[in-house]
C-alpha atoms as a PDB file:
ATOM      1  CA  VAL A   1     -76.004 -19.043  58.120  1.00  0.00           C
ATOM      2  CA  GLN A   2     -72.318 -19.668  56.655  1.00  0.00           C
ATOM      3  CA  LEU A   3     -69.950 -17.051  56.237  1.00  0.00           C
ATOM      4  CA  VAL A   4     -66.829 -17.062  53.980  1.00  0.00           C
ATOM      5  CA  GLU A   5     -63.933 -14.222  54.842  1.00  0.00           C
ATOM      6  CA  SER A   6     -61.669 -13.270  51.662  1.00  0.00           C
ATOM      7  CA  GLY A   7     -59.219 -10.980  50.937  1.00  0.00           C
ATOM      8  CA  GLY A   8     -56.451 -11.229  53.537  1.00  0.00           C
ATOM      9  CA  GLY A   9     -52.795 -11.263  52.978  1.00  0.00           C
ATOM     10  CA  LEU A  10     -49.212  -9.365  53.394  1.00  0.00           C
ATOM     11  CA  VAL A  11     -49.071  -5.986  53.044  1.00  0.00           C
ATOM     12  CA  GLN A  12     -46.613  -3.478  53.966  1.00  0.00           C
ATOM     13  CA  ALA A  13     -47.763  -0.713  56.918  1.00  0.00           C
ATOM     14  CA  GLY A  14     -49.289   1.764  54.926  1.00  0.00           C
ATOM     15  CA  GLY A  15     -50.586  -0.097  52.991  1.00  0.00           C
ATOM     16  CA  SER A  16     -54.219  -1.649  51.479  1.00  0.00           C
ATOM     17  CA  LEU A  17     -56.311  -4.273  51.669  1.00  0.00           C
ATOM     18  CA  ARG A  18     -59.927  -5.218  51.425  1.00  0.00           C
ATOM     19  CA  LEU A  19     -61.578  -8.443  52.880  1.00  0.00           C
ATOM     20  CA  SER A  20     -64.963  -9.612  52.053  1.00  0.00           C
ATOM     21  CA  CYS A  21     -67.661 -11.604  53.639  1.00  0.00           C
ATOM     22  CA  ALA A  22     -69.960 -13.795  51.947  1.00  0.00           C
ATOM     23  CA  PHE A  23     -73.260 -14.583  53.638  1.00  0.00           C
ATOM     24  CA  SER A  24     -74.906 -17.839  52.442  1.00  0.00           C
ATOM     25  CA  GLY A  25     -79.013 -18.068  54.554  1.00  0.00           C
ATOM     26  CA  SER A  26     -81.757 -16.309  55.086  1.00  0.00           C
ATOM     27  CA  PHE A  27     -82.717 -12.353  56.122  1.00  0.00           C
ATOM     28  CA  PHE A  28     -79.319 -11.086  56.083  1.00  0.00           C
ATOM     29  CA  GLY A  29     -80.529  -7.459  55.980  1.00  0.00           C
ATOM     30  CA  ARG A  30     -81.473  -8.472  59.856  1.00  0.00           C
ATOM     31  CA  TYR A  31     -78.022  -8.922  60.836  1.00  0.00           C
ATOM     32  CA  THR A  32     -75.707  -6.903  61.885  1.00  0.00           C
ATOM     33  CA  MET A  33     -72.421  -7.792  60.321  1.00  0.00           C
ATOM     34  CA  ASN A  34     -69.246  -7.400  62.574  1.00  0.00           C
ATOM     35  CA  TRP A  35     -65.417  -7.553  62.181  1.00  0.00           C
ATOM     36  CA  TYR A  36     -63.544  -9.336  64.959  1.00  0.00           C
ATOM     37  CA  ARG A  37     -59.682 -10.170  64.935  1.00  0.00           C
ATOM     38  CA  GLN A  38     -57.659 -12.102  66.913  1.00  0.00           C
ATOM     39  CA  THR A  39     -54.164 -10.677  67.688  1.00  0.00           C
ATOM     40  CA  PRO A  40     -51.097 -12.618  67.709  1.00  0.00           C
ATOM     41  CA  GLY A  41     -51.486 -12.235  71.514  1.00  0.00           C
ATOM     42  CA  ASN A  42     -55.106 -13.757  71.386  1.00  0.00           C
ATOM     43  CA  GLN A  43     -56.553 -11.179  72.210  1.00  0.00           C
ATOM     44  CA  ARG A  44     -60.252 -10.689  70.217  1.00  0.00           C
ATOM     45  CA  GLU A  45     -61.641  -7.646  69.719  1.00  0.00           C
ATOM     46  CA  LEU A  46     -64.432  -5.746  67.813  1.00  0.00           C
ATOM     47  CA  VAL A  47     -62.636  -4.044  64.988  1.00  0.00           C
ATOM     48  CA  ALA A  48     -66.556  -2.733  63.270  1.00  0.00           C
ATOM     49  CA  SER A  49     -69.502  -3.117  62.615  1.00  0.00           C
ATOM     50  CA  ILE A  50     -72.727  -2.278  60.211  1.00  0.00           C
ATOM     51  CA  SER A  51     -76.095  -2.472  61.637  1.00  0.00           C
ATOM     52  CA  SER A  52     -79.524  -3.468  59.598  1.00  0.00           C
ATOM     53  CA  ALA A  53     -80.321   0.027  59.920  1.00  0.00           C
ATOM     54  CA  TRP A  54     -76.579   1.195  58.120  1.00  0.00           C
ATOM     55  CA  ILE A  55     -75.703   2.420  61.553  1.00  0.00           C
ATOM     56  CA  THR A  56     -71.379   1.636  61.657  1.00  0.00           C
ATOM     57  CA  TYR A  57     -69.517   1.304  64.604  1.00  0.00           C
ATOM     58  CA  TYR A  58     -65.526   1.569  64.330  1.00  0.00           C
ATOM     59  CA  ALA A  59     -62.756   0.463  67.525  1.00  0.00           C
ATOM     60  CA  ASP A  60     -60.575   3.586  68.208  1.00  0.00           C
ATOM     61  CA  SER A  61     -57.824   1.978  67.513  1.00  0.00           C
ATOM     62  CA  VAL A  62     -59.182   1.888  63.136  1.00  0.00           C
ATOM     63  CA  LYS A  63     -61.066   4.664  62.912  1.00  0.00           C
ATOM     64  CA  GLY A  64     -60.610   7.242  59.956  1.00  0.00           C
ATOM     65  CA  ARG A  65     -58.529   3.582  58.350  1.00  0.00           C
ATOM     66  CA  PHE A  66     -61.114   1.616  57.940  1.00  0.00           C
ATOM     67  CA  THR A  67     -64.364   1.511  56.357  1.00  0.00           C
ATOM     68  CA  VAL A  68     -67.370  -1.620  56.790  1.00  0.00           C
ATOM     69  CA  THR A  69     -70.187  -1.470  54.372  1.00  0.00           C
ATOM     70  CA  ARG A  70     -72.416  -3.910  53.106  1.00  0.00           C
ATOM     71  CA  ASP A  71     -74.222  -4.461  50.345  1.00  0.00           C
ATOM     72  CA  ASN A  72     -77.996  -5.784  51.152  1.00  0.00           C
ATOM     73  CA  ASN A  73     -78.544  -7.410  46.816  1.00  0.00           C
ATOM     74  CA  LYS A  74     -75.393  -9.360  47.296  1.00  0.00           C
ATOM     75  CA  ASN A  75     -75.299 -10.899  50.947  1.00  0.00           C
ATOM     76  CA  MET A  76     -71.809  -9.225  51.420  1.00  0.00           C
ATOM     77  CA  VAL A  77     -69.965  -7.339  53.645  1.00  0.00           C
ATOM     78  CA  TYR A  78     -66.868  -5.608  53.578  1.00  0.00           C
ATOM     79  CA  LEU A  79     -64.140  -4.001  55.387  1.00  0.00           C
ATOM     80  CA  GLN A  80     -61.869  -1.710  53.923  1.00  0.00           C
ATOM     81  CA  MET A  81     -58.177  -1.157  55.403  1.00  0.00           C
ATOM     82  CA  ASP A  82     -55.855   1.670  54.731  1.00  0.00           C
ATOM     83  CA  SER A  83     -52.918   3.308  55.811  1.00  0.00           C
ATOM     84  CA  GLN A  84     -52.787   0.075  58.087  1.00  0.00           C
ATOM     85  CA  LYS A  85     -50.502  -0.046  60.699  1.00  0.00           C
ATOM     86  CA  PRO A  86     -48.079  -3.601  62.095  1.00  0.00           C
ATOM     87  CA  GLU A  87     -50.630  -3.756  65.041  1.00  0.00           C
ATOM     88  CA  ASP A  88     -53.644  -4.755  62.736  1.00  0.00           C
ATOM     89  CA  THR A  89     -52.364  -7.582  61.701  1.00  0.00           C
ATOM     90  CA  GLY A  90     -54.183 -10.800  62.950  1.00  0.00           C
ATOM     91  CA  VAL A  91     -56.935 -13.185  62.170  1.00  0.00           C
ATOM     92  CA  TYR A  92     -60.131 -11.291  61.068  1.00  0.00           C
ATOM     93  CA  TYR A  93     -63.680 -12.603  61.558  1.00  0.00           C
ATOM     94  CA  CYS A  94     -66.866 -11.992  59.545  1.00  0.00           C
ATOM     95  CA  VAL A  95     -69.325 -12.659  62.204  1.00  0.00           C
ATOM     96  CA  ALA A  96     -72.987 -12.526  61.656  1.00  0.00           C
ATOM     97  CA  GLN A  97     -75.713 -11.144  64.575  1.00  0.00           C
ATOM     98  CA  TRP A  98     -79.044 -11.176  64.484  1.00  0.00           C
ATOM     99  CA  GLU A  99     -81.308 -13.846  67.005  1.00  0.00           C
ATOM    100  CA  THR A 100     -77.856 -15.978  67.474  1.00  0.00           C
ATOM    101  CA  GLY A 101     -74.266 -15.155  66.168  1.00  0.00           C
ATOM    102  CA  TYR A 102     -72.524 -16.576  63.263  1.00  0.00           C
ATOM    103  CA  TRP A 103     -68.885 -17.107  62.938  1.00  0.00           C
ATOM    104  CA  GLY A 104     -66.579 -17.177  59.935  1.00  0.00           C
ATOM    105  CA  ARG A 105     -63.547 -19.230  59.872  1.00  0.00           C
ATOM    106  CA  GLY A 106     -61.303 -16.165  59.500  1.00  0.00           C
ATOM    107  CA  THR A 107     -58.703 -15.133  57.354  1.00  0.00           C
ATOM    108  CA  GLN A 108     -55.327 -14.382  57.959  1.00  0.00           C
ATOM    109  CA  VAL A 109     -54.410 -10.539  57.679  1.00  0.00           C
ATOM    110  CA  THR A 110     -50.267  -9.682  58.228  1.00  0.00           C
ATOM    111  CA  VAL A 111     -48.910  -5.952  58.122  1.00  0.00           C
ATOM    112  CA  SER A 112     -45.544  -5.885  57.993  1.00  0.00           C
ATOM    113  CA  SER A 113     -43.163  -2.804  59.294  1.00  0.00           C
END
């Protein structure tokens, strides 16, 4: 399995970004797809996830602002980030979890105040 994130960048507070994660491999539909972020203080947290049954999870810090979706036909997962805050700054990683976990290399998101 290989994961490639894209869509990161610099955005002003209140703005939006959409991250994408391309999954290469088999059985994409069986994986829970997660978005983690690592902050400048090196804390890593689970931001959002979507299971094979389309059940979603959001960290309290992003509820109501972020939306995770997946397209099983395209082997893609997305993270729509709205009303962004400076504390959303970090490296965002796509992680595929089924029998084992696979990590992408991450994409940088910087939210300026």
